[in-house]
C-alpha cells in the first residue's frame, strides 16, 4: 500500500493571534515609511515630522530669529524669547525625567561652577545673572534632549532634518539679503548672528563629506558663500577652519585638497573690491597687511575695545573681574558699546585665566569624547557624533572676533541638542534596549507610535535606509 505524504499543515505550529497582529502592524509601518525615506531630502515629509516635539521647538527657535528676531513681544525682542522659551522647556523636561538624563553634566560641572561663583559670590555687574543663565542655556538643552530615548530611527530623522535645513537656509538667504535677487551685493556687514549660526551647518556638512558623502561637499561650499554675500569677515575665516580642521575622518589627501581650495577661495574673495573696502581703511591691502597692529586694518572699533579689556585683564589675570564685568568696563569707556566681539578676551576679563582654561578644557575633552564615540558607532549615530564634534571648531574660531557665547539661539542650543541626542542614542545602543516611546512628550496616533521604533521580530530586517549607509560603503 502506497504511503501517503505527510500533510505540511499537520505539523506546522499555530501562530499566536497577538504575534500575527503585531507582524501585520510592523509590515504596515514599514510600507508607510519605506517610500517616505526615498523622497528628496529637501521635502520635510511625514517621516521627518516624527521627530520629538521638543526637538522641533529647538529647531523652530533656531530659525525664527533669522526672520523676525528684531520684533518686540511683551517688551523683549523675539531673539530673546527664542532662548528663554527653550530654556524653560528644557528645565521642565529634565526635571520630570531626571532618571533618563545621559548628558555628561559632570564633565561641564567645573565650567558651571566657574560661572555661578563669578556671578553670585562676587560683586556682580548689571545683568550678570542673565548673562550667566544665557551662557549655560545650551547645557540645559543638552540635558533635556538626552532624556529623550533616541532610537536609531530617531537619530536618522534628526540627521535628515539637519540636511533639509540646507534648503531652508538657502531660501532665507535669498529672501533676507537685500539686493541679492537684483544682483546687487552689500557693501557692509549684514546678518552677522545668522551667518555665525550657519557655521554649525558648515561643520555638519563637512563631517558628512568626510564620512563619504560627496554631495555634501557641494553643500559645504554653498554654506561657504553665505559669509561672502553678507560680507562678514570673521565667519568667513571660521568657515575655512571648519572645513580644514574637521575632526571627522577625512583623509590627509582630501584634507589638503579641500583646505587648499578653501584658502584659495578666501584669498580670491579678499582681492575683490568690496572686501578690500571692508578690510582696509585705505580701500586696498594684501595678505601681509592682515595684522592686528596694522592701522590700515578696518577693525570696526574692535581694537579700541580689546585694548580696554586687555588692560583690565592684566589687573586681575587669574580670577578676573566677575561675570559681565566687561560690559560695565566698555560702557564706562564708550557709553553705548557693551559687546567686545572677542569672547576669549571677554572670558579672560570676566573669569580670568582659571575660568577660561576651564572652559577650553571642557570643550577639548568633549570634542575628543565625541570623536571616540563616532569611531565606535555606525550609521546616523556615527554621522551625528562627528558633526557634533566638528561644531566646536568654528565655535572656538569665531570666539576670536564675535560674541557667539551669547548667540545661543543661533548656535549653541542646536549644537548641544546634537550632543544630547548622541549621548542618549549611544547609551541605548550600548544597553541594547528597544523602547516603546522615543519621546516622553510624544503622543500615540492609532496603532503606530509616532517617533518610536517597534521591536523587530526574528528574521525580519527593516528596509528603511539609514542616512549613514551610503557613507559607510
Protein backbone atom coordinates (compact mmCIF):
# COMPACT_ATOMS: atom_id res chain seq x y z
CA UNK A 1 0.00 0.00 0.00
CA UNK A 2 1.38 3.37 -1.05
CA UNK A 3 2.42 5.61 1.79
CA UNK A 4 0.66 8.95 1.86
CA UNK A 5 2.93 12.05 2.01
CA UNK A 6 2.76 13.92 5.29
CA UNK A 7 0.43 16.87 5.47
CA UNK A 8 2.63 20.02 5.94
CA UNK A 9 -0.16 21.78 7.74
CA UNK A 10 -0.44 18.97 10.29
CA UNK A 11 2.93 19.67 11.88
CA UNK A 12 3.07 23.46 11.41
CA UNK A 13 2.73 25.26 14.75
CA UNK A 14 -0.13 27.66 15.17
CA UNK A 15 0.81 31.33 15.14
CA UNK A 16 -0.45 33.22 18.13
CA UNK A 17 -3.06 35.80 17.26
CA UNK A 18 -1.21 38.64 19.03
CA UNK A 19 2.06 37.82 17.23
CA UNK A 20 0.26 37.79 13.86
CA UNK A 21 -1.37 41.14 14.63
CA UNK A 22 1.98 42.64 15.64
CA UNK A 23 3.62 41.32 12.45
CA UNK A 24 0.90 42.91 10.31
CA UNK A 25 1.28 46.22 12.12
CA UNK A 26 5.07 46.09 11.70
CA UNK A 27 4.71 45.36 7.98
CA UNK A 28 2.24 48.21 7.64
CA UNK A 29 4.64 50.57 9.38
CA UNK A 30 7.50 49.62 7.05
CA UNK A 31 5.33 50.06 3.96
CA UNK A 32 4.32 53.52 5.18
CA UNK A 33 7.89 54.68 5.91
CA UNK A 34 9.83 52.98 3.11
CA UNK A 35 8.66 55.37 0.41
CA UNK A 36 8.96 58.42 2.65
CA UNK A 37 12.69 57.96 3.10
CA UNK A 38 13.15 57.98 -0.67
CA UNK A 39 11.64 61.44 -1.06
CA UNK A 40 14.05 64.30 -1.88
CA UNK A 41 15.74 65.40 1.33
CA UNK A 42 14.57 68.99 0.94
CA UNK A 43 10.96 67.86 1.40
CA UNK A 44 10.03 67.57 5.06
CA UNK A 45 7.73 64.58 4.79
CA UNK A 46 5.81 62.71 7.45
CA UNK A 47 8.87 60.68 8.40
CA UNK A 48 10.81 63.77 9.50
CA UNK A 49 7.78 65.18 11.27
CA UNK A 50 8.00 62.26 13.68
CA UNK A 51 10.88 63.95 15.48
CA UNK A 52 10.15 64.69 19.15
CA UNK A 53 8.17 67.84 19.79
CA UNK A 54 10.89 69.32 21.97
CA UNK A 55 13.39 68.92 19.13
CA UNK A 56 11.09 70.78 16.76
CA UNK A 57 10.83 73.54 19.35
CA UNK A 58 14.61 73.96 19.34
CA UNK A 59 14.76 73.88 15.54
CA UNK A 60 11.99 76.48 15.29
CA UNK A 61 13.67 78.75 17.85
CA UNK A 62 16.90 78.47 15.85
CA UNK A 63 15.44 79.83 12.62
CA UNK A 64 12.63 82.14 13.78
CA UNK A 65 15.12 84.87 14.87
CA UNK A 66 16.62 84.71 11.38
CA UNK A 67 13.44 86.37 10.12
CA UNK A 68 11.76 88.29 12.96
CA UNK A 69 14.46 88.42 15.64
CA UNK A 70 14.12 92.21 16.00
CA UNK A 71 10.36 92.23 16.60
CA UNK A 72 9.14 93.21 20.07
CA UNK A 73 6.88 90.88 22.08
CA UNK A 74 5.98 91.91 25.66
CA UNK A 75 8.97 94.23 25.83
CA UNK A 76 11.50 91.64 24.66
CA UNK A 77 12.95 91.03 21.24
CA UNK A 78 11.85 87.79 19.59
CA UNK A 79 15.51 86.76 19.53
CA UNK A 80 15.46 86.98 23.34
CA UNK A 81 12.35 84.82 23.64
CA UNK A 82 13.90 82.19 21.40
CA UNK A 83 16.48 81.33 24.03
CA UNK A 84 14.22 81.81 27.07
CA UNK A 85 11.41 79.52 25.85
CA UNK A 86 13.70 76.54 25.06
CA UNK A 87 15.47 77.08 28.39
CA UNK A 88 12.21 76.90 30.37
CA UNK A 89 11.01 73.91 28.36
CA UNK A 90 14.31 72.08 28.82
CA UNK A 91 14.21 72.60 32.58
CA UNK A 92 10.71 71.13 32.62
CA UNK A 93 11.70 68.09 30.56
CA UNK A 94 14.85 67.42 32.56
CA UNK A 95 13.10 67.90 35.93
CA UNK A 96 10.36 65.40 35.08
CA UNK A 97 12.71 62.79 33.57
CA UNK A 98 15.83 63.00 35.70
CA UNK A 99 16.33 59.24 35.59
CA UNK A 100 16.72 59.30 31.82
CA UNK A 101 19.34 62.05 31.59
CA UNK A 102 22.50 60.83 29.82
CA UNK A 103 24.22 64.15 29.18
CA UNK A 104 27.75 64.33 30.72
CA UNK A 105 26.91 67.13 33.12
CA UNK A 106 29.79 66.15 35.40
CA UNK A 107 32.18 66.99 32.56
CA UNK A 108 30.74 70.51 32.32
CA UNK A 109 30.30 70.99 36.08
CA UNK A 110 33.64 72.85 36.50
CA UNK A 111 32.55 75.42 33.91
CA UNK A 112 29.14 75.74 35.56
CA UNK A 113 30.84 76.24 38.94
CA UNK A 114 33.06 78.97 37.47
CA UNK A 115 30.06 80.85 36.08
CA UNK A 116 27.99 80.54 39.25
CA UNK A 117 30.86 81.51 41.54
CA UNK A 118 31.76 84.54 39.46
CA UNK A 119 28.12 85.63 39.31
CA UNK A 120 26.73 85.17 42.83
CA UNK A 121 29.77 85.22 45.11
CA UNK A 122 31.42 88.37 43.77
CA UNK A 123 30.39 91.95 43.27
CA UNK A 124 28.45 91.29 40.09
CA UNK A 125 27.88 93.70 37.23
CA UNK A 126 24.38 94.61 35.95
CA UNK A 127 22.67 91.78 34.04
CA UNK A 128 25.26 89.32 35.34
CA UNK A 129 22.60 86.74 36.25
CA UNK A 130 21.02 86.92 32.79
CA UNK A 131 24.42 86.54 31.13
CA UNK A 132 25.24 83.55 33.35
CA UNK A 133 21.94 81.79 32.62
CA UNK A 134 22.09 82.57 28.90
CA UNK A 135 25.62 81.21 28.67
CA UNK A 136 24.57 77.98 30.39
CA UNK A 137 21.31 77.53 28.46
CA UNK A 138 22.82 75.20 25.78
CA UNK A 139 23.86 72.85 28.60
CA UNK A 140 20.23 72.67 29.78
CA UNK A 141 19.17 71.90 26.21
CA UNK A 142 21.68 69.06 26.04
CA UNK A 143 20.49 67.64 29.37
CA UNK A 144 16.83 67.72 28.29
CA UNK A 145 17.47 66.19 24.86
CA UNK A 146 19.49 63.38 26.41
CA UNK A 147 16.42 62.48 28.49
CA UNK A 148 14.60 61.62 25.25
CA UNK A 149 15.03 57.98 24.28
CA UNK A 150 16.69 58.24 20.87
CA UNK A 151 16.19 55.13 18.75
CA UNK A 152 18.26 54.60 15.58
CA UNK A 153 15.27 55.72 13.52
CA UNK A 154 15.05 58.95 15.50
CA UNK A 155 18.75 59.64 15.01
CA UNK A 156 18.34 59.10 11.27
CA UNK A 157 15.43 61.54 11.21
CA UNK A 158 17.48 64.16 13.02
CA UNK A 159 20.34 63.74 10.52
CA UNK A 160 17.87 64.16 7.65
CA UNK A 161 16.32 67.22 9.29
CA UNK A 162 19.76 68.83 9.55
CA UNK A 163 20.28 68.03 5.88
CA UNK A 164 16.92 69.57 4.99
CA UNK A 165 17.91 72.75 6.86
CA UNK A 166 20.29 73.47 3.96
CA UNK A 167 17.36 74.30 1.70
CA UNK A 168 15.73 76.44 4.39
CA UNK A 169 18.94 78.44 4.84
CA UNK A 170 19.21 78.84 1.08
CA UNK A 171 15.67 80.23 0.81
CA UNK A 172 16.15 82.54 3.80
CA UNK A 173 19.40 83.89 2.36
CA UNK A 174 17.73 84.70 -0.96
CA UNK A 175 14.80 86.40 0.74
CA UNK A 176 16.62 88.26 3.52
CA UNK A 177 19.83 89.56 1.93
CA UNK A 178 18.95 92.95 0.38
CA UNK A 179 19.60 93.33 -3.34
CA UNK A 180 20.55 89.70 -3.89
CA UNK A 181 17.67 88.98 -6.25
CA UNK A 182 18.51 92.10 -8.28
CA UNK A 183 22.21 91.24 -8.46
CA UNK A 184 23.46 94.00 -6.13
CA UNK A 185 25.88 92.90 -3.39
CA UNK A 186 26.09 94.57 0.01
CA UNK A 187 28.89 96.98 0.85
CA UNK A 188 28.60 96.45 4.60
CA UNK A 189 28.24 93.57 7.04
CA UNK A 190 24.77 92.11 7.41
CA UNK A 191 23.06 89.31 9.36
CA UNK A 192 26.13 88.56 11.47
CA UNK A 193 24.28 86.39 14.08
CA UNK A 194 22.60 84.38 11.33
CA UNK A 195 25.86 83.84 9.48
CA UNK A 196 27.51 82.73 12.73
CA UNK A 197 24.68 80.23 13.19
CA UNK A 198 25.27 78.89 9.68
CA UNK A 199 28.82 77.93 10.69
CA UNK A 200 27.37 74.98 12.60
CA UNK A 201 25.96 73.66 9.35
CA UNK A 202 29.32 74.13 7.64
CA UNK A 203 30.75 71.81 10.30
CA UNK A 204 27.86 69.35 9.90
CA UNK A 205 28.15 69.09 6.12
CA UNK A 206 31.96 68.94 6.27
CA UNK A 207 31.61 65.95 8.62
CA UNK A 208 29.14 64.32 6.25
CA UNK A 209 31.60 64.75 3.38
CA UNK A 210 34.43 63.35 5.49
CA UNK A 211 32.27 60.28 6.18
CA UNK A 212 31.93 59.61 2.45
CA UNK A 213 29.01 61.68 1.13
CA UNK A 214 30.39 63.57 -1.88
CA UNK A 215 27.27 65.65 -2.41
CA UNK A 216 27.83 67.27 0.98
CA UNK A 217 30.99 68.86 -0.38
CA UNK A 218 28.69 70.95 -2.57
CA UNK A 219 26.58 71.88 0.43
CA UNK A 220 29.67 72.84 2.40
CA UNK A 221 30.76 75.09 -0.45
CA UNK A 222 27.31 76.63 -0.71
CA UNK A 223 27.32 77.44 3.01
CA UNK A 224 30.75 78.98 2.48
CA UNK A 225 29.07 81.58 0.23
CA UNK A 226 26.86 83.00 2.99
CA UNK A 227 29.58 84.97 4.83
CA UNK A 228 30.81 86.20 1.43
CA UNK A 229 27.39 87.52 0.47
CA UNK A 230 26.85 89.09 3.90
CA UNK A 231 30.41 90.48 3.97
CA UNK A 232 31.25 89.05 7.39
CA UNK A 233 34.99 88.56 7.72
CA UNK A 234 35.26 86.57 10.94
CA UNK A 235 32.70 83.92 9.91
CA UNK A 236 34.47 83.58 6.55
CA UNK A 237 37.74 82.67 8.27
CA UNK A 238 35.90 80.37 10.71
CA UNK A 239 34.21 78.58 7.80
CA UNK A 240 37.61 77.83 6.27
CA UNK A 241 38.77 76.47 9.62
CA UNK A 242 35.64 74.34 10.00
CA UNK A 243 36.39 72.64 6.68
CA UNK A 244 40.13 72.18 7.12
CA UNK A 245 40.10 71.24 10.82
CA UNK A 246 37.05 68.99 10.90
CA UNK A 247 37.66 66.15 13.41
CA UNK A 248 35.75 63.74 11.18
CA UNK A 249 37.88 61.03 9.49
CA UNK A 250 38.86 63.00 6.39
CA UNK A 251 41.95 61.56 4.72
CA UNK A 252 45.12 63.62 4.60
CA UNK A 253 44.99 63.94 0.82
CA UNK A 254 41.37 65.11 0.78
CA UNK A 255 42.00 67.41 3.72
CA UNK A 256 44.89 69.09 1.90
CA UNK A 257 42.95 69.40 -1.36
CA UNK A 258 39.79 70.76 0.25
CA UNK A 259 41.78 73.01 2.58
CA UNK A 260 43.84 74.41 -0.29
CA UNK A 261 40.68 75.08 -2.31
CA UNK A 262 39.06 76.85 0.66
CA UNK A 263 42.12 79.02 1.33
CA UNK A 264 42.41 79.94 -2.36
CA UNK A 265 38.74 80.83 -2.48
CA UNK A 266 39.08 83.01 0.63
CA UNK A 267 42.13 84.70 -0.87
CA UNK A 268 40.23 85.40 -4.08
CA UNK A 269 37.38 86.91 -2.06
CA UNK A 270 39.84 89.13 -0.19
CA UNK A 271 41.04 90.51 -3.51
CA UNK A 272 37.57 91.69 -4.55
CA UNK A 273 36.95 95.46 -4.31
CA UNK A 274 34.05 95.15 -1.84
CA UNK A 275 36.09 93.03 0.56
CA UNK A 276 39.11 95.33 0.17
CA UNK A 277 36.98 98.31 1.18
CA UNK A 278 35.63 96.33 4.12
CA UNK A 279 39.02 95.11 5.33
CA UNK A 280 41.25 98.16 4.87
CA UNK A 281 40.64 101.79 5.73
CA UNK A 282 42.57 102.85 2.63
CA UNK A 283 40.46 100.57 0.45
CA UNK A 284 43.30 98.27 -0.55
CA UNK A 285 45.78 95.87 1.01
CA UNK A 286 47.38 92.43 0.78
CA UNK A 287 47.58 89.28 2.89
CA UNK A 288 50.73 90.58 4.57
CA UNK A 289 48.73 93.56 5.84
CA UNK A 290 46.42 91.34 7.92
CA UNK A 291 47.98 92.21 11.27
CA UNK A 292 46.37 93.45 14.45
CA UNK A 293 48.94 96.25 14.79
CA UNK A 294 48.31 97.50 11.25
CA UNK A 295 46.49 100.82 11.35
CA UNK A 296 45.21 100.20 7.83
CA UNK A 297 43.01 97.34 9.10
CA UNK A 298 39.35 98.28 9.49
CA UNK A 299 38.51 96.76 12.89
CA UNK A 300 35.05 98.37 13.33
CA UNK A 301 36.12 99.59 16.76
CA UNK A 302 37.31 96.18 17.93
CA UNK A 303 40.90 97.26 18.54
CA UNK A 304 39.82 100.02 20.94
CA UNK A 305 37.53 97.66 22.86
CA UNK A 306 40.19 94.95 23.03
CA UNK A 307 42.72 97.43 24.39
CA UNK A 308 40.39 98.39 27.25
CA UNK A 309 39.70 94.78 28.20
CA UNK A 310 43.32 93.68 27.86
CA UNK A 311 44.45 96.45 30.21
CA UNK A 312 41.79 95.47 32.73
CA UNK A 313 42.66 91.78 32.42
CA UNK A 314 46.22 92.50 33.47
CA UNK A 315 44.93 93.90 36.77
CA UNK A 316 43.33 90.53 37.72
CA UNK A 317 44.74 87.95 35.33
CA UNK A 318 43.95 84.76 37.29
CA UNK A 319 40.44 85.25 38.66
CA UNK A 320 39.01 88.06 36.53
CA UNK A 321 36.53 90.77 37.50
CA UNK A 322 33.28 88.75 37.57
CA UNK A 323 30.67 87.73 35.01
CA UNK A 324 29.61 90.59 32.73
CA UNK A 325 32.16 92.98 34.22
CA UNK A 326 33.46 93.51 30.69
CA UNK A 327 30.12 95.04 29.77
CA UNK A 328 30.44 97.61 32.54
CA UNK A 329 34.02 98.45 31.54
CA UNK A 330 33.06 99.04 27.90
CA UNK A 331 30.00 101.14 28.75
CA UNK A 332 32.05 103.34 31.08
CA UNK A 333 34.56 103.91 28.29
CA UNK A 334 32.37 104.10 25.18
CA UNK A 335 28.90 104.86 26.67
CA UNK A 336 26.93 102.57 24.33
CA UNK A 337 29.21 99.68 23.29
CA UNK A 338 28.99 96.63 25.57
CA UNK A 339 29.91 93.59 23.45
CA UNK A 340 33.67 93.24 22.79
CA UNK A 341 33.41 90.98 19.71
CA UNK A 342 36.04 88.68 21.22
CA UNK A 343 34.62 86.05 23.53
CA UNK A 344 38.03 84.71 24.53
CA UNK A 345 39.14 88.16 25.72
CA UNK A 346 35.75 88.67 27.38
CA UNK A 347 36.23 85.43 29.33
CA UNK A 348 39.75 86.43 30.36
CA UNK A 349 38.44 89.74 31.69
CA UNK A 350 35.39 88.25 33.41
CA UNK A 351 36.60 84.89 34.82
CA UNK A 352 40.37 85.14 34.39
CA UNK A 353 42.87 82.57 33.20
CA UNK A 354 41.49 79.89 35.53
CA UNK A 355 37.93 80.16 34.27
CA UNK A 356 38.92 80.50 30.62
CA UNK A 357 41.23 77.48 30.83
CA UNK A 358 38.41 75.51 32.47
CA UNK A 359 36.05 76.37 29.63
CA UNK A 360 38.63 75.49 26.96
CA UNK A 361 39.38 72.18 28.69
CA UNK A 362 35.68 71.25 28.78
CA UNK A 363 35.39 71.94 25.05
CA UNK A 364 38.50 69.96 24.19
CA UNK A 365 37.57 66.94 26.33
CA UNK A 366 34.01 66.91 24.96
CA UNK A 367 35.34 67.06 21.39
CA UNK A 368 37.71 64.14 21.96
CA UNK A 369 34.97 62.04 23.58
CA UNK A 370 32.57 62.68 20.67
CA UNK A 371 35.25 61.69 18.14
CA UNK A 372 35.91 58.46 20.03
CA UNK A 373 32.19 57.73 20.18
CA UNK A 374 31.94 58.34 16.43
CA UNK A 375 34.77 55.91 15.74
CA UNK A 376 32.83 53.19 17.59
CA UNK A 377 29.42 53.90 16.04
CA UNK A 378 27.72 53.27 12.73
CA UNK A 379 25.02 54.83 10.60
CA UNK A 380 23.29 58.02 11.66
CA UNK A 381 24.83 57.97 15.13
CA UNK A 382 28.33 57.97 13.62
CA UNK A 383 27.48 60.98 11.47
CA UNK A 384 25.93 62.83 14.39
CA UNK A 385 28.96 62.20 16.62
CA UNK A 386 31.39 63.69 14.10
CA UNK A 387 29.05 66.59 13.27
CA UNK A 388 28.66 67.48 16.95
CA UNK A 389 32.43 67.26 17.48
CA UNK A 390 33.07 69.39 14.40
CA UNK A 391 30.74 72.08 15.71
CA UNK A 392 33.32 73.06 18.33
CA UNK A 393 35.87 74.05 15.65
CA UNK A 394 34.11 77.11 14.14
CA UNK A 395 32.73 77.86 17.61
CA UNK A 396 36.23 78.29 19.05
CA UNK A 397 37.42 80.22 15.99
CA UNK A 398 34.54 82.68 15.81
CA UNK A 399 35.00 83.44 19.51
CA UNK A 400 38.11 85.39 18.45
CA UNK A 401 36.13 88.01 16.54
CA UNK A 402 32.49 87.77 17.67
CA UNK A 403 30.05 87.07 20.51
CA UNK A 404 28.92 83.51 19.85
CA UNK A 405 28.70 82.69 23.58
CA UNK A 406 25.60 84.86 23.82
CA UNK A 407 24.21 83.81 20.42
CA UNK A 408 22.85 80.64 21.99
CA UNK A 409 19.62 80.73 19.98
CA UNK A 410 21.59 80.83 16.72
CA UNK A 411 24.34 78.33 17.52
CA UNK A 412 24.70 76.83 20.99
CA UNK A 413 21.21 75.42 21.53
CA UNK A 414 21.16 73.40 18.31
CA UNK A 415 24.75 72.29 18.83
CA UNK A 416 24.06 70.87 22.28
CA UNK A 417 20.82 69.35 21.04
CA UNK A 418 23.02 67.20 18.81
CA UNK A 419 25.31 66.33 21.72
CA UNK A 420 22.38 65.35 23.93
CA UNK A 421 20.95 63.15 21.17
CA UNK A 422 24.34 61.47 20.71
CA UNK A 423 24.60 60.52 24.38
CA UNK A 424 21.05 59.19 24.58
CA UNK A 425 21.40 57.13 21.39
CA UNK A 426 24.83 55.89 22.45
CA UNK A 427 23.50 54.62 25.77
CA UNK A 428 20.54 52.94 24.11
CA UNK A 429 22.90 51.28 21.64
CA UNK A 430 25.14 50.08 24.46
CA UNK A 431 22.29 48.81 26.61
CA UNK A 432 20.51 47.16 23.67
CA UNK A 433 17.15 48.43 24.84
CA UNK A 434 14.21 48.71 22.47
CA UNK A 435 11.93 51.39 23.87
CA UNK A 436 8.27 51.72 23.05
CA UNK A 437 8.31 55.53 23.30
CA UNK A 438 11.14 57.58 21.82
CA UNK A 439 9.91 60.85 23.29
CA UNK A 440 8.28 61.38 26.71
CA UNK A 441 6.35 64.33 25.23
CA UNK A 442 5.06 62.48 22.16
CA UNK A 443 1.52 61.18 21.67
CA UNK A 444 0.03 57.96 20.29
CA UNK A 445 -1.80 58.10 16.95
CA UNK A 446 -3.59 54.85 16.19
CA UNK A 447 -1.58 51.62 16.16
CA UNK A 448 1.70 53.40 15.36
CA UNK A 449 3.63 55.37 17.97
CA UNK A 450 4.98 58.46 16.24
CA UNK A 451 8.67 58.90 16.92
CA UNK A 452 9.14 55.32 18.15
CA UNK A 453 10.61 52.21 16.63
CA UNK A 454 8.77 48.97 17.22
CA UNK A 455 10.84 45.90 18.11
CA UNK A 456 11.53 43.69 15.11
CA UNK A 457 10.52 40.06 15.05
CA UNK A 458 13.25 37.44 14.46
CA UNK A 459 14.22 37.05 10.83
CA UNK A 460 12.82 40.40 9.75
CA UNK A 461 15.02 43.43 9.00
CA UNK A 462 13.96 46.98 8.31
CA UNK A 463 14.30 48.09 4.70
CA UNK A 464 14.44 51.76 5.61
CA UNK A 465 17.87 53.05 4.53
CA UNK A 466 19.97 54.90 7.07
CA UNK A 467 21.45 58.28 6.05
CA UNK A 468 24.82 56.87 7.07
CA UNK A 469 24.58 53.75 4.92
CA UNK A 470 26.00 55.34 1.79
CA UNK A 471 28.87 56.93 3.66
CA UNK A 472 29.92 53.59 5.15
CA UNK A 473 30.12 51.77 1.82
